[in-house]
Amino acid sequence: MVSFGQSSGVPDPVSLPALQAKSLFLTRPTLFHYTVTQDELLETAGDVFANVASGVLRVRVNHTYSLSEAAQAHADLENRRTSGSVVLIP
């Protein structure tokens, strides 16, 4: 089981015996467990952007708003009417 982000709040408690029964484990990684220095962070970011540029990774944009709709975009985010990426278009 992997938990990332917490836009819905802190995750509910998990029963360790329930995980143990099936040899399952829980992880909640953060970027800074994998990159320590700024150079490592820049290298990792460069790898991600290169993979996006080459098509290995695809960026899915779920919602777009014109810049004039920025207030509506913020309202939708605050009221949890969005999921995934939200992009303002100038």
C-alpha atoms as a PDB file:
ATOM      1  CA  MET A   1       0.000   0.000   0.000  1.00  0.00           C
ATOM      2  CA  VAL A   2       1.331   3.450  -0.904  1.00  0.00           C
ATOM      3  CA  SER A   3       0.030   6.721   0.474  1.00  0.00           C
ATOM      4  CA  PHE A   4       1.003   9.984  -1.176  1.00  0.00           C
ATOM      5  CA  GLY A   5      -0.361  13.441  -0.540  1.00  0.00           C
ATOM      6  CA  GLN A   6      -3.120  14.200   1.860  1.00  0.00           C
ATOM      7  CA  SER A   7      -5.528  16.556   0.140  1.00  0.00           C
ATOM      8  CA  SER A   8      -8.262  14.481   1.772  1.00  0.00           C
ATOM      9  CA  GLY A   9      -6.660  14.818   5.184  1.00  0.00           C
ATOM     10  CA  VAL A  10      -4.536  12.487   7.238  1.00  0.00           C
ATOM     11  CA  PRO A  11      -5.049   8.816   6.274  1.00  0.00           C
ATOM     12  CA  ASP A  12      -7.040   6.588   8.604  1.00  0.00           C
ATOM     13  CA  PRO A  13      -5.075   4.326  10.948  1.00  0.00           C
ATOM     14  CA  VAL A  14      -4.008   0.984   9.490  1.00  0.00           C
ATOM     15  CA  SER A  15      -4.101  -2.296  11.393  1.00  0.00           C
ATOM     16  CA  LEU A  16      -0.582  -3.703  11.496  1.00  0.00           C
ATOM     17  CA  PRO A  17      -1.826  -7.262  12.198  1.00  0.00           C
ATOM     18  CA  ALA A  18      -4.023  -7.049   9.079  1.00  0.00           C
ATOM     19  CA  LEU A  19      -0.978  -6.115   7.003  1.00  0.00           C
ATOM     20  CA  GLN A  20       1.176  -8.775   8.654  1.00  0.00           C
ATOM     21  CA  ALA A  21      -1.336 -11.523   7.884  1.00  0.00           C
ATOM     22  CA  LYS A  22      -0.588 -11.186   4.157  1.00  0.00           C
ATOM     23  CA  SER A  23       3.010  -9.930   4.357  1.00  0.00           C
ATOM     24  CA  LEU A  24       1.885  -6.499   3.182  1.00  0.00           C
ATOM     25  CA  PHE A  25       3.626  -3.253   3.979  1.00  0.00           C
ATOM     26  CA  LEU A  26       2.811   0.424   3.935  1.00  0.00           C
ATOM     27  CA  THR A  27       5.067   3.157   2.632  1.00  0.00           C
ATOM     28  CA  ARG A  28       4.665   6.886   2.534  1.00  0.00           C
ATOM     29  CA  PRO A  29       7.703   8.170   0.657  1.00  0.00           C
ATOM     30  CA  THR A  30       8.728  11.761   0.206  1.00  0.00           C
ATOM     31  CA  LEU A  31      10.989  13.186  -2.450  1.00  0.00           C
ATOM     32  CA  PHE A  32      13.624  14.028   0.116  1.00  0.00           C
ATOM     33  CA  HIS A  33      14.124  10.357   1.007  1.00  0.00           C
ATOM     34  CA  TYR A  34      15.480   9.930  -2.528  1.00  0.00           C
ATOM     35  CA  THR A  35      17.287  13.215  -3.118  1.00  0.00           C
ATOM     36  CA  VAL A  36      19.578  14.664  -0.481  1.00  0.00           C
ATOM     37  CA  THR A  37      21.519  17.390  -2.240  1.00  0.00           C
ATOM     38  CA  GLN A  38      20.377  20.101  -4.619  1.00  0.00           C
ATOM     39  CA  ASP A  39      22.472  18.467  -7.354  1.00  0.00           C
ATOM     40  CA  GLU A  40      20.571  15.185  -6.877  1.00  0.00           C
ATOM     41  CA  LEU A  41      17.271  17.059  -6.973  1.00  0.00           C
ATOM     42  CA  LEU A  42      18.234  18.866 -10.193  1.00  0.00           C
ATOM     43  CA  GLU A  43      19.419  15.617 -11.793  1.00  0.00           C
ATOM     44  CA  THR A  44      16.190  13.852 -10.842  1.00  0.00           C
ATOM     45  CA  ALA A  45      14.075  16.741 -12.129  1.00  0.00           C
ATOM     46  CA  GLY A  46      16.064  16.719 -15.365  1.00  0.00           C
ATOM     47  CA  ASP A  47      15.378  12.992 -15.770  1.00  0.00           C
ATOM     48  CA  VAL A  48      11.651  13.540 -15.247  1.00  0.00           C
ATOM     49  CA  PHE A  49      11.478  16.415 -17.751  1.00  0.00           C
ATOM     50  CA  ALA A  50      13.512  14.431 -20.302  1.00  0.00           C
ATOM     51  CA  ASN A  51      11.104  11.502 -19.948  1.00  0.00           C
ATOM     52  CA  VAL A  52       8.139  13.842 -20.443  1.00  0.00           C
ATOM     53  CA  ALA A  53       9.773  15.389 -23.524  1.00  0.00           C
ATOM     54  CA  SER A  54      10.503  11.951 -25.043  1.00  0.00           C
ATOM     55  CA  GLY A  55       7.005  10.637 -24.365  1.00  0.00           C
ATOM     56  CA  VAL A  56       8.057   8.003 -21.828  1.00  0.00           C
ATOM     57  CA  LEU A  57       5.943   9.860 -19.260  1.00  0.00           C
ATOM     58  CA  ARG A  58       2.695  11.532 -20.226  1.00  0.00           C
ATOM     59  CA  VAL A  59       1.315  14.496 -18.339  1.00  0.00           C
ATOM     60  CA  ARG A  60      -2.440  14.339 -17.987  1.00  0.00           C
ATOM     61  CA  VAL A  61      -4.143  17.667 -17.389  1.00  0.00           C
ATOM     62  CA  ASN A  62      -7.558  17.119 -15.846  1.00  0.00           C
ATOM     63  CA  HIS A  63      -8.821  20.707 -15.707  1.00  0.00           C
ATOM     64  CA  THR A  64      -7.915  23.900 -17.544  1.00  0.00           C
ATOM     65  CA  TYR A  65      -9.071  27.424 -16.809  1.00  0.00           C
ATOM     66  CA  SER A  66      -8.327  30.661 -18.603  1.00  0.00           C
ATOM     67  CA  LEU A  67      -6.413  33.159 -16.511  1.00  0.00           C
ATOM     68  CA  SER A  68      -9.588  35.232 -16.247  1.00  0.00           C
ATOM     69  CA  GLU A  69     -11.173  32.203 -14.508  1.00  0.00           C
ATOM     70  CA  ALA A  70      -8.455  31.999 -11.823  1.00  0.00           C
ATOM     71  CA  ALA A  71     -10.930  32.826  -9.047  1.00  0.00           C
ATOM     72  CA  GLN A  72     -13.205  29.982 -10.203  1.00  0.00           C
ATOM     73  CA  ALA A  73     -10.230  27.605 -10.376  1.00  0.00           C
ATOM     74  CA  HIS A  74      -9.334  28.463  -6.777  1.00  0.00           C
ATOM     75  CA  ALA A  75     -12.950  28.041  -5.675  1.00  0.00           C
ATOM     76  CA  ASP A  76     -13.150  24.646  -7.392  1.00  0.00           C
ATOM     77  CA  LEU A  77      -9.907  23.539  -5.710  1.00  0.00           C
ATOM     78  CA  GLU A  78     -11.064  24.737  -2.294  1.00  0.00           C
ATOM     79  CA  ASN A  79     -14.424  23.005  -2.703  1.00  0.00           C
ATOM     80  CA  ARG A  80     -12.797  19.783  -3.939  1.00  0.00           C
ATOM     81  CA  ARG A  81     -14.499  19.879  -7.332  1.00  0.00           C
ATOM     82  CA  THR A  82     -11.246  18.977  -9.084  1.00  0.00           C
ATOM     83  CA  SER A  83      -8.900  16.035  -9.168  1.00  0.00           C
ATOM     84  CA  GLY A  84      -5.489  15.704 -10.710  1.00  0.00           C
ATOM     85  CA  SER A  85      -3.758  18.566 -12.469  1.00  0.00           C
ATOM     86  CA  VAL A  86      -5.302  22.019 -12.745  1.00  0.00           C
ATOM     87  CA  VAL A  87      -3.722  24.442 -15.217  1.00  0.00           C
ATOM     88  CA  LEU A  88      -4.327  28.154 -15.755  1.00  0.00           C
ATOM     89  CA  ILE A  89      -3.965  29.169 -19.423  1.00  0.00           C
ATOM     90  CA  PRO A  90      -2.848  32.783 -20.061  1.00  0.00           C
END
